[in-house]
Amino acid sequence: KNELIVAPTGSGKTFTLLTAAIKNNVKMVFTVPNKAVVQQLKEQWGDKVGASYGNIQIKKQLEKHKVVISTINKLSHLKDFDLSDYVLVCDEKHTHITTVDFRADVIYTAGKVKEKFKKNIDITATPEPLNLLEYDNVKKFIKKDDIKYNIKITQTQQRKSVLIEKIKKCDSDYIVVLNNDIAFNDVCCTFFK
């Protein structure tokens, strides 16, 4: 039920999870550290996602959208909401530890509400402050400069260029390709089950 994904900064963690959730019709609450990031992601994703920060109510957003991006503060508004069909993603999870001095109440409440979700996925590039024993599964993606890729440019039905990277050799049962701008990932949906 509790997963941690660790990958380098700029590797596309946020983009990959949001893309996979939208593509697979996953009900998701995606929390980020502050409203500026919520606004940025809402602008980037448009009507495909809802956004909750400030006076924008998260419950109303969940009624309209399968995927809602919010600040962690908004989780306290979901104490009486049925979240058993939802996945919770906490982006930049390490900030829950590093900002606990002035956000203790918010983080404590979020921890209680977190138990109501069918699955929890925390993502970070900085796992050091986290207690890895709290997780049922930890996926760590590392960057290796010497990996060889087959790279192919193709056209989608919408006539947009898509970069497809296929790793020639992989010792894992799961292949996740991360990139800042695009993600081609047929197995990422396994994180949501």
Protein backbone atom coordinates (compact mmCIF):
# COMPACT_ATOMS: atom_id res chain seq x y z
CA LYS A 1 0.00 0.00 0.00
CA ASN A 2 2.89 2.40 0.64
CA GLU A 3 5.37 2.94 -2.19
CA LEU A 4 8.36 5.22 -2.51
CA ILE A 5 9.81 6.25 -5.85
CA VAL A 6 13.28 7.79 -5.75
CA ALA A 7 14.72 9.33 -8.92
CA PRO A 8 17.03 12.24 -9.71
CA THR A 9 15.79 15.81 -9.90
CA GLY A 10 14.49 16.63 -13.37
CA SER A 11 14.04 12.99 -14.36
CA GLY A 12 10.29 13.33 -14.91
CA LYS A 13 8.78 11.74 -11.79
CA THR A 14 5.86 14.17 -11.61
CA PHE A 15 5.20 14.11 -15.34
CA THR A 16 5.33 10.31 -15.55
CA LEU A 17 2.91 9.70 -12.67
CA LEU A 18 0.44 12.33 -13.84
CA THR A 19 0.58 11.03 -17.41
CA ALA A 20 0.05 7.43 -16.29
CA ALA A 21 -2.85 8.40 -13.99
CA ILE A 22 -4.63 10.38 -16.70
CA LYS A 23 -3.98 7.75 -19.37
CA ASN A 24 -5.27 4.94 -17.12
CA ASN A 25 -8.23 6.87 -15.56
CA VAL A 26 -6.81 6.56 -12.06
CA LYS A 27 -8.48 8.58 -9.31
CA MET A 28 -5.63 10.50 -7.72
CA VAL A 29 -4.87 13.29 -5.29
CA PHE A 30 -1.42 14.59 -6.17
CA THR A 31 0.08 16.82 -3.47
CA VAL A 32 2.92 19.25 -4.01
CA PRO A 33 4.76 21.49 -1.52
CA ASN A 34 3.17 24.86 -2.37
CA LYS A 35 0.49 26.65 -4.37
CA ALA A 36 2.97 27.99 -6.94
CA VAL A 37 3.66 24.40 -8.02
CA VAL A 38 -0.10 23.63 -8.07
CA GLN A 39 -0.66 26.65 -10.33
CA GLN A 40 2.23 25.68 -12.60
CA LEU A 41 0.99 22.09 -13.00
CA LYS A 42 -2.61 23.22 -13.55
CA GLU A 43 -1.45 25.57 -16.29
CA GLN A 44 0.61 22.78 -17.85
CA TRP A 45 -2.14 20.11 -17.71
CA GLY A 46 -5.21 22.32 -18.21
CA ASP A 47 -8.64 20.65 -18.00
CA LYS A 48 -7.13 17.18 -17.61
CA VAL A 49 -6.63 17.89 -13.88
CA GLY A 50 -8.27 19.79 -11.08
CA ALA A 51 -6.35 22.11 -8.77
CA SER A 52 -6.95 22.94 -5.13
CA TYR A 53 -5.13 25.65 -3.20
CA GLY A 54 -6.14 28.77 -1.33
CA ASN A 55 -9.95 29.11 -1.47
CA ILE A 56 -10.43 26.43 -4.16
CA GLN A 57 -12.17 23.53 -2.41
CA ILE A 58 -10.64 20.11 -2.93
CA LYS A 59 -13.93 18.22 -2.58
CA LYS A 60 -15.48 20.18 -5.45
CA GLN A 61 -12.41 19.50 -7.57
CA LEU A 62 -12.66 15.76 -6.83
CA GLU A 63 -16.29 15.80 -8.00
CA LYS A 64 -15.21 17.27 -11.35
CA HIS A 65 -11.84 15.61 -12.00
CA LYS A 66 -10.26 12.17 -11.54
CA VAL A 67 -6.86 13.75 -10.89
CA VAL A 68 -6.57 16.71 -8.52
CA ILE A 69 -3.33 18.52 -7.74
CA SER A 70 -3.26 20.24 -4.36
CA THR A 71 -1.13 21.44 -1.52
CA ILE A 72 -0.75 19.02 1.36
CA ASN A 73 -2.75 21.44 3.53
CA LYS A 74 -5.90 20.49 1.61
CA LEU A 75 -5.79 16.87 2.82
CA SER A 76 -7.31 17.98 6.14
CA HIS A 77 -10.50 18.85 4.21
CA LEU A 78 -10.87 15.19 3.20
CA LYS A 79 -11.27 13.67 6.67
CA ASP A 80 -14.91 12.71 5.96
CA PHE A 81 -14.51 12.01 2.22
CA ASP A 82 -14.49 8.43 0.85
CA LEU A 83 -10.97 7.99 -0.53
CA SER A 84 -10.98 4.20 -0.83
CA ASP A 85 -10.81 4.41 -4.67
CA TYR A 86 -8.09 7.07 -4.74
CA VAL A 87 -4.32 6.98 -4.93
CA LEU A 88 -2.43 9.62 -2.97
CA VAL A 89 0.84 10.86 -4.42
CA CYS A 90 3.04 13.09 -2.27
CA ASP A 91 5.58 14.85 -4.48
CA GLU A 92 8.78 16.05 -2.81
CA LYS A 93 8.02 13.83 0.19
CA HIS A 94 11.26 14.80 1.91
CA THR A 95 9.77 18.28 2.50
CA HIS A 96 7.36 16.72 5.01
CA ILE A 97 10.37 16.01 7.19
CA THR A 98 12.46 19.09 6.48
CA THR A 99 9.56 21.52 7.09
CA VAL A 100 8.05 19.76 10.09
CA ASP A 101 9.11 22.57 12.45
CA PHE A 102 6.53 25.01 11.09
CA ARG A 103 4.08 22.56 9.46
CA ALA A 104 3.73 19.92 12.16
CA ASP A 105 -0.09 20.14 12.39
CA VAL A 106 -0.53 19.91 8.62
CA ILE A 107 1.84 16.95 8.31
CA TYR A 108 0.23 15.14 11.26
CA THR A 109 -3.28 15.56 9.78
CA ALA A 110 -2.05 14.49 6.34
CA GLY A 111 -0.63 11.33 7.91
CA LYS A 112 -4.04 10.47 9.36
CA VAL A 113 -5.92 11.15 6.12
CA LYS A 114 -3.28 9.21 4.16
CA GLU A 115 -4.55 5.98 5.74
CA LYS A 116 -7.92 6.40 3.95
CA PHE A 117 -6.45 6.12 0.43
CA LYS A 118 -6.26 2.76 -1.35
CA LYS A 119 -2.60 3.40 -2.13
CA ASN A 120 0.08 5.91 -1.21
CA ILE A 121 2.98 6.79 -3.48
CA ASP A 122 5.66 9.15 -2.22
CA ILE A 123 8.17 10.55 -4.69
CA THR A 124 11.44 12.32 -4.03
CA ALA A 125 14.97 12.88 -5.24
CA THR A 126 16.14 13.23 -1.63
CA PRO A 127 15.28 10.07 0.36
CA GLU A 128 17.82 10.62 3.16
CA PRO A 129 15.40 12.15 5.72
CA LEU A 130 12.76 9.43 5.14
CA ASN A 131 12.31 6.23 7.13
CA LEU A 132 12.50 3.64 4.36
CA LEU A 133 11.12 0.95 6.70
CA GLU A 134 7.69 2.65 6.47
CA TYR A 135 7.36 1.56 2.85
CA ASP A 136 6.15 -1.76 1.46
CA ASN A 137 8.09 -1.12 -1.73
CA VAL A 138 10.90 1.27 -2.68
CA LYS A 139 11.78 1.86 -6.34
CA LYS A 140 15.04 3.68 -6.89
CA PHE A 141 15.97 4.90 -10.35
CA ILE A 142 19.54 5.91 -10.84
CA LYS A 143 21.20 7.71 -13.69
CA LYS A 144 24.03 5.88 -15.34
CA ASP A 145 26.00 7.83 -17.90
CA ASP A 146 27.09 4.70 -19.75
CA ILE A 147 23.61 3.30 -20.56
CA LYS A 148 23.06 2.83 -24.29
CA TYR A 149 19.63 3.73 -25.68
CA ASN A 150 17.85 3.10 -28.95
CA ILE A 151 16.21 6.40 -29.78
CA LYS A 152 13.47 6.72 -32.37
CA ILE A 153 11.33 9.70 -33.37
CA THR A 154 7.81 8.77 -34.45
CA GLN A 155 4.54 10.58 -35.13
CA THR A 156 1.45 10.08 -32.96
CA GLN A 157 -2.08 10.27 -34.30
CA GLN A 158 -2.16 13.88 -33.15
CA ARG A 159 0.91 14.50 -35.37
CA LYS A 160 3.14 15.32 -32.42
CA SER A 161 6.68 14.01 -32.23
CA VAL A 162 7.25 11.58 -29.43
CA LEU A 163 10.61 10.39 -28.26
CA ILE A 164 10.68 6.69 -27.49
CA GLU A 165 13.63 5.38 -25.55
CA LYS A 166 14.01 1.64 -25.24
CA ILE A 167 16.56 0.32 -22.83
CA LYS A 168 18.47 -2.55 -24.45
CA LYS A 169 19.46 -4.31 -21.25
CA CYS A 170 17.49 -4.11 -18.03
CA ASP A 171 17.68 -6.43 -15.04
CA SER A 172 14.27 -5.36 -13.71
CA ASP A 173 10.79 -6.74 -14.34
CA TYR A 174 9.55 -3.16 -14.65
CA ILE A 175 10.85 -0.60 -17.10
CA VAL A 176 10.02 3.03 -16.47
CA VAL A 177 11.39 5.64 -18.82
CA LEU A 178 11.61 9.07 -17.25
CA ASN A 179 12.15 12.29 -19.15
CA ASN A 180 11.44 15.95 -18.43
CA ASP A 181 9.05 16.46 -21.33
CA ILE A 182 7.60 13.10 -22.26
CA ALA A 183 7.04 9.64 -20.88
CA PHE A 184 6.50 6.40 -22.72
CA ASN A 185 5.61 3.90 -20.04
CA ASP A 186 3.39 0.86 -20.37
CA VAL A 187 4.05 -0.50 -16.88
CA CYS A 188 3.74 2.59 -14.71
CA CYS A 189 0.09 1.73 -14.10
CA THR A 190 1.32 -1.16 -11.89
CA PHE A 191 2.11 1.47 -9.27
CA PHE A 192 -1.59 2.29 -8.99
CA LYS A 193 -2.92 -1.23 -8.36
